[in-house]
N, C-alpha and C. Protein backbone atom coordinates (compact mmCIF):
# COMPACT_ATOMS: atom_id res chain seq x y z
N MET A 1 119.27 42.79 76.99
CA MET A 1 118.40 43.78 77.61
C MET A 1 117.46 43.08 78.59
N ILE A 2 117.20 43.75 79.67
CA ILE A 2 116.36 43.20 80.73
C ILE A 2 114.89 43.41 80.40
N ASP A 3 114.07 42.45 80.78
CA ASP A 3 112.62 42.55 80.58
C ASP A 3 112.01 43.07 81.88
N LEU A 4 112.34 44.31 82.22
CA LEU A 4 111.89 44.93 83.46
C LEU A 4 111.51 46.37 83.13
N LYS A 5 110.31 46.76 83.49
CA LYS A 5 109.82 48.11 83.19
C LYS A 5 109.85 48.97 84.44
N ALA A 6 110.35 50.18 84.28
CA ALA A 6 110.40 51.12 85.40
C ALA A 6 109.01 51.66 85.68
N THR A 7 108.74 51.93 86.94
CA THR A 7 107.47 52.54 87.33
C THR A 7 107.65 54.05 87.40
N GLN A 8 106.63 54.73 87.80
CA GLN A 8 106.57 56.19 87.78
C GLN A 8 107.78 56.85 88.44
N GLY A 9 108.47 57.70 87.67
CA GLY A 9 109.58 58.49 88.19
C GLY A 9 110.87 57.73 88.39
N ARG A 10 110.98 56.51 87.84
CA ARG A 10 112.17 55.69 88.08
C ARG A 10 112.87 55.31 86.79
N LEU A 11 114.13 54.88 86.93
CA LEU A 11 114.96 54.44 85.82
C LEU A 11 115.47 53.04 86.11
N VAL A 12 115.56 52.19 85.09
CA VAL A 12 116.25 50.91 85.20
C VAL A 12 117.60 51.12 84.51
N VAL A 13 118.68 50.89 85.26
CA VAL A 13 120.02 51.19 84.79
C VAL A 13 120.90 49.94 84.88
N ARG A 14 121.57 49.60 83.75
CA ARG A 14 122.54 48.50 83.72
C ARG A 14 123.89 49.07 84.13
N LEU A 15 124.48 48.51 85.18
CA LEU A 15 125.75 49.02 85.69
C LEU A 15 126.88 48.74 84.72
N LEU A 16 127.78 49.70 84.61
CA LEU A 16 129.02 49.53 83.86
C LEU A 16 130.13 49.20 84.85
N PRO A 17 131.20 48.53 84.41
CA PRO A 17 132.31 48.24 85.33
C PRO A 17 132.85 49.53 85.93
N LYS A 18 133.25 49.45 87.19
CA LYS A 18 133.85 50.62 87.83
C LYS A 18 135.16 50.95 87.14
N GLU A 19 135.52 52.23 87.15
CA GLU A 19 136.74 52.66 86.48
C GLU A 19 137.99 52.06 87.10
N ASN A 20 137.89 51.57 88.33
CA ASN A 20 139.05 50.97 88.98
C ASN A 20 138.99 49.44 88.89
N GLU A 21 138.26 48.93 87.90
CA GLU A 21 138.12 47.49 87.69
C GLU A 21 138.62 47.17 86.29
N VAL A 22 139.56 46.25 86.19
CA VAL A 22 140.13 45.88 84.90
C VAL A 22 139.92 44.39 84.70
N GLY A 23 139.16 44.02 83.67
CA GLY A 23 138.92 42.61 83.38
C GLY A 23 138.34 41.84 84.55
N GLY A 24 137.51 42.50 85.35
CA GLY A 24 136.89 41.84 86.49
C GLY A 24 137.76 41.82 87.74
N ILE A 25 138.99 42.35 87.64
CA ILE A 25 139.89 42.42 88.80
C ILE A 25 139.78 43.81 89.41
N TYR A 26 139.47 43.85 90.69
CA TYR A 26 139.29 45.12 91.38
C TYR A 26 140.64 45.70 91.77
N LEU A 27 140.88 46.95 91.39
CA LEU A 27 142.09 47.66 91.76
C LEU A 27 141.75 48.62 92.88
N ALA A 28 142.42 48.49 94.01
CA ALA A 28 142.09 49.27 95.20
C ALA A 28 142.32 50.77 94.97
N THR A 29 141.34 51.57 95.39
CA THR A 29 141.44 53.03 95.40
C THR A 29 140.73 53.51 96.64
N GLU A 30 140.70 54.80 96.83
CA GLU A 30 139.97 55.34 97.97
C GLU A 30 138.48 55.10 97.78
N VAL A 31 137.84 54.46 98.73
CA VAL A 31 136.43 54.11 98.64
C VAL A 31 135.56 55.36 98.53
N ASN A 32 135.92 56.43 99.19
CA ASN A 32 135.10 57.64 99.19
C ASN A 32 134.95 58.26 97.81
N ASN A 33 135.87 57.98 96.89
CA ASN A 33 135.83 58.60 95.57
C ASN A 33 135.10 57.75 94.54
N GLU A 34 134.60 56.60 94.92
CA GLU A 34 133.93 55.73 93.96
C GLU A 34 132.56 56.27 93.58
N VAL A 35 132.24 56.15 92.30
CA VAL A 35 130.91 56.49 91.81
C VAL A 35 130.45 55.34 90.93
N ASN A 36 129.18 55.27 90.70
CA ASN A 36 128.63 54.25 89.81
C ASN A 36 128.29 54.88 88.48
N ARG A 37 128.53 54.10 87.41
CA ARG A 37 128.14 54.51 86.07
C ARG A 37 127.23 53.43 85.52
N GLY A 38 126.28 53.83 84.69
CA GLY A 38 125.39 52.86 84.10
C GLY A 38 124.72 53.41 82.86
N VAL A 39 124.09 52.49 82.13
CA VAL A 39 123.36 52.85 80.91
C VAL A 39 121.87 52.67 81.19
N ILE A 40 121.09 53.67 80.86
CA ILE A 40 119.65 53.62 81.09
C ILE A 40 119.03 52.61 80.13
N GLU A 41 118.33 51.62 80.69
CA GLU A 41 117.65 50.59 79.90
C GLU A 41 116.16 50.88 79.75
N ASP A 42 115.56 51.54 80.75
CA ASP A 42 114.14 51.87 80.69
C ASP A 42 113.86 53.07 81.58
N ILE A 43 112.89 53.88 81.18
CA ILE A 43 112.47 55.04 81.95
C ILE A 43 110.97 54.95 82.17
N GLY A 44 110.57 55.04 83.44
CA GLY A 44 109.14 55.02 83.76
C GLY A 44 108.50 56.35 83.43
N PRO A 45 107.17 56.39 83.41
CA PRO A 45 106.48 57.65 83.14
C PRO A 45 106.84 58.71 84.19
N ALA A 46 106.93 59.95 83.75
CA ALA A 46 107.28 61.04 84.66
C ALA A 46 106.16 61.28 85.67
N LYS A 47 106.54 61.70 86.87
CA LYS A 47 105.55 62.11 87.85
C LYS A 47 104.98 63.46 87.43
N LYS A 48 103.88 63.83 88.02
CA LYS A 48 103.25 65.12 87.70
C LYS A 48 104.26 66.25 87.88
N ASP A 49 104.33 67.15 86.91
CA ASP A 49 105.22 68.32 86.94
C ASP A 49 106.70 67.95 86.95
N GLU A 50 107.06 66.76 86.46
CA GLU A 50 108.46 66.33 86.41
C GLU A 50 108.88 66.14 84.96
N ILE A 51 110.05 66.61 84.61
CA ILE A 51 110.58 66.45 83.27
C ILE A 51 111.88 65.66 83.35
N PHE A 52 111.97 64.57 82.58
CA PHE A 52 113.19 63.78 82.56
C PHE A 52 114.19 64.41 81.61
N GLU A 53 115.42 64.54 82.05
CA GLU A 53 116.48 65.08 81.21
C GLU A 53 117.26 63.98 80.49
N SER A 54 117.00 62.74 80.83
CA SER A 54 117.74 61.62 80.27
C SER A 54 116.83 60.79 79.38
N LYS A 55 117.47 59.90 78.59
CA LYS A 55 116.70 59.00 77.72
C LYS A 55 117.37 57.64 77.69
N VAL A 56 116.67 56.64 77.20
CA VAL A 56 117.20 55.28 77.10
C VAL A 56 118.48 55.32 76.27
N GLY A 57 119.51 54.66 76.78
CA GLY A 57 120.81 54.62 76.09
C GLY A 57 121.82 55.60 76.64
N ASP A 58 121.37 56.62 77.40
CA ASP A 58 122.30 57.57 78.01
C ASP A 58 123.13 56.87 79.09
N THR A 59 124.37 57.31 79.23
CA THR A 59 125.22 56.86 80.33
C THR A 59 125.08 57.88 81.45
N ILE A 60 124.87 57.39 82.66
CA ILE A 60 124.68 58.29 83.80
C ILE A 60 125.67 57.96 84.91
N ILE A 61 125.85 58.93 85.79
CA ILE A 61 126.66 58.76 87.00
C ILE A 61 125.73 59.00 88.18
N PHE A 62 125.85 58.14 89.18
CA PHE A 62 125.01 58.27 90.37
C PHE A 62 125.78 57.81 91.59
N GLY A 63 125.31 58.17 92.76
CA GLY A 63 125.99 57.87 94.01
C GLY A 63 126.13 56.39 94.29
N ASN A 64 127.11 56.07 95.12
CA ASN A 64 127.47 54.69 95.42
C ASN A 64 126.35 53.91 96.09
N TYR A 65 125.54 54.55 96.89
CA TYR A 65 124.51 53.82 97.64
C TYR A 65 123.10 54.16 97.17
N GLN A 66 122.96 54.65 95.94
CA GLN A 66 121.66 55.03 95.42
C GLN A 66 120.93 53.86 94.78
N GLY A 67 119.64 53.83 94.92
CA GLY A 67 118.80 52.87 94.21
C GLY A 67 118.76 51.47 94.80
N LEU A 68 117.96 50.64 94.15
CA LEU A 68 117.76 49.25 94.54
C LEU A 68 118.60 48.37 93.61
N ALA A 69 119.49 47.56 94.18
CA ALA A 69 120.33 46.66 93.39
C ALA A 69 119.52 45.45 92.95
N TYR A 70 119.77 45.02 91.69
CA TYR A 70 119.04 43.89 91.12
C TYR A 70 119.96 43.17 90.14
N THR A 71 120.02 41.85 90.21
CA THR A 71 120.83 41.06 89.29
C THR A 71 119.91 40.23 88.42
N TYR A 72 120.17 40.25 87.09
CA TYR A 72 119.34 39.51 86.14
C TYR A 72 120.26 38.90 85.10
N GLU A 73 120.24 37.58 84.99
CA GLU A 73 121.06 36.83 84.05
C GLU A 73 122.53 37.26 84.08
N GLY A 74 123.06 37.42 85.28
CA GLY A 74 124.47 37.75 85.47
C GLY A 74 124.81 39.22 85.32
N GLU A 75 123.87 40.06 84.90
CA GLU A 75 124.09 41.50 84.76
C GLU A 75 123.57 42.20 86.02
N GLU A 76 124.29 43.24 86.44
CA GLU A 76 123.87 44.01 87.60
C GLU A 76 123.12 45.27 87.15
N TYR A 77 122.01 45.53 87.82
CA TYR A 77 121.15 46.67 87.51
C TYR A 77 120.88 47.45 88.78
N ARG A 78 120.48 48.70 88.62
CA ARG A 78 119.96 49.51 89.72
C ARG A 78 118.66 50.13 89.25
N ILE A 79 117.71 50.19 90.15
CA ILE A 79 116.46 50.90 89.91
C ILE A 79 116.57 52.19 90.71
N LEU A 80 116.60 53.31 90.00
CA LEU A 80 116.88 54.61 90.60
C LEU A 80 115.72 55.57 90.43
N ASN A 81 115.65 56.55 91.31
CA ASN A 81 114.79 57.71 91.09
C ASN A 81 115.53 58.65 90.16
N GLN A 82 114.81 59.40 89.37
CA GLN A 82 115.44 60.37 88.47
C GLN A 82 116.34 61.31 89.26
N SER A 83 115.96 61.68 90.47
CA SER A 83 116.73 62.63 91.28
C SER A 83 118.06 62.04 91.77
N ASP A 84 118.27 60.72 91.65
CA ASP A 84 119.53 60.09 92.06
C ASP A 84 120.65 60.34 91.04
N VAL A 85 120.30 60.75 89.83
CA VAL A 85 121.27 60.96 88.76
C VAL A 85 122.00 62.28 88.99
N VAL A 86 123.35 62.24 88.98
CA VAL A 86 124.12 63.46 89.19
C VAL A 86 124.76 63.99 87.91
N ALA A 87 124.91 63.15 86.87
CA ALA A 87 125.47 63.59 85.60
C ALA A 87 124.98 62.66 84.48
N ILE A 88 124.88 63.22 83.27
CA ILE A 88 124.38 62.47 82.11
C ILE A 88 125.32 62.67 80.93
N LYS A 89 125.68 61.59 80.27
CA LYS A 89 126.37 61.66 78.99
C LYS A 89 125.38 61.16 77.96
N THR A 90 124.87 62.07 77.13
CA THR A 90 123.80 61.71 76.22
C THR A 90 124.32 60.96 74.99
N VAL A 91 123.43 60.19 74.40
CA VAL A 91 123.72 59.44 73.19
C VAL A 91 123.58 60.39 72.01
N GLU A 92 124.55 60.37 71.09
CA GLU A 92 124.47 61.21 69.89
C GLU A 92 123.37 60.67 68.99
N GLU A 93 122.57 61.55 68.42
CA GLU A 93 121.49 61.14 67.53
C GLU A 93 121.88 61.32 66.09
C-alpha cells in the first residue's frame, strides 16, 4: 500500500493490468476501446455538497487519459477526481 493521502475531492488509485495484457506482455487491440481499471487505495475528504459513491478497496473504471500518473515502488497509481470515475465494482462487506 502506498503512503500517499488524497486531498479534497480526489482518489488515489492503484492501477490493475489492462485486460489486453497477459503476464506483462501487451496484446494489441484497438486503442480507442482501452479503459483503465484500478483499486481505490485512499479517498480524500469530500468537497462541499459532494457525496462519494465509492470506498477504499472498490475497483473502478476510468478514462484512458484521466488523472495524474504516479509510480511508487514499481506500482503504477493515478490520482483522480471523483468525477473521473465512470463505473464502480464495490467490495462485498
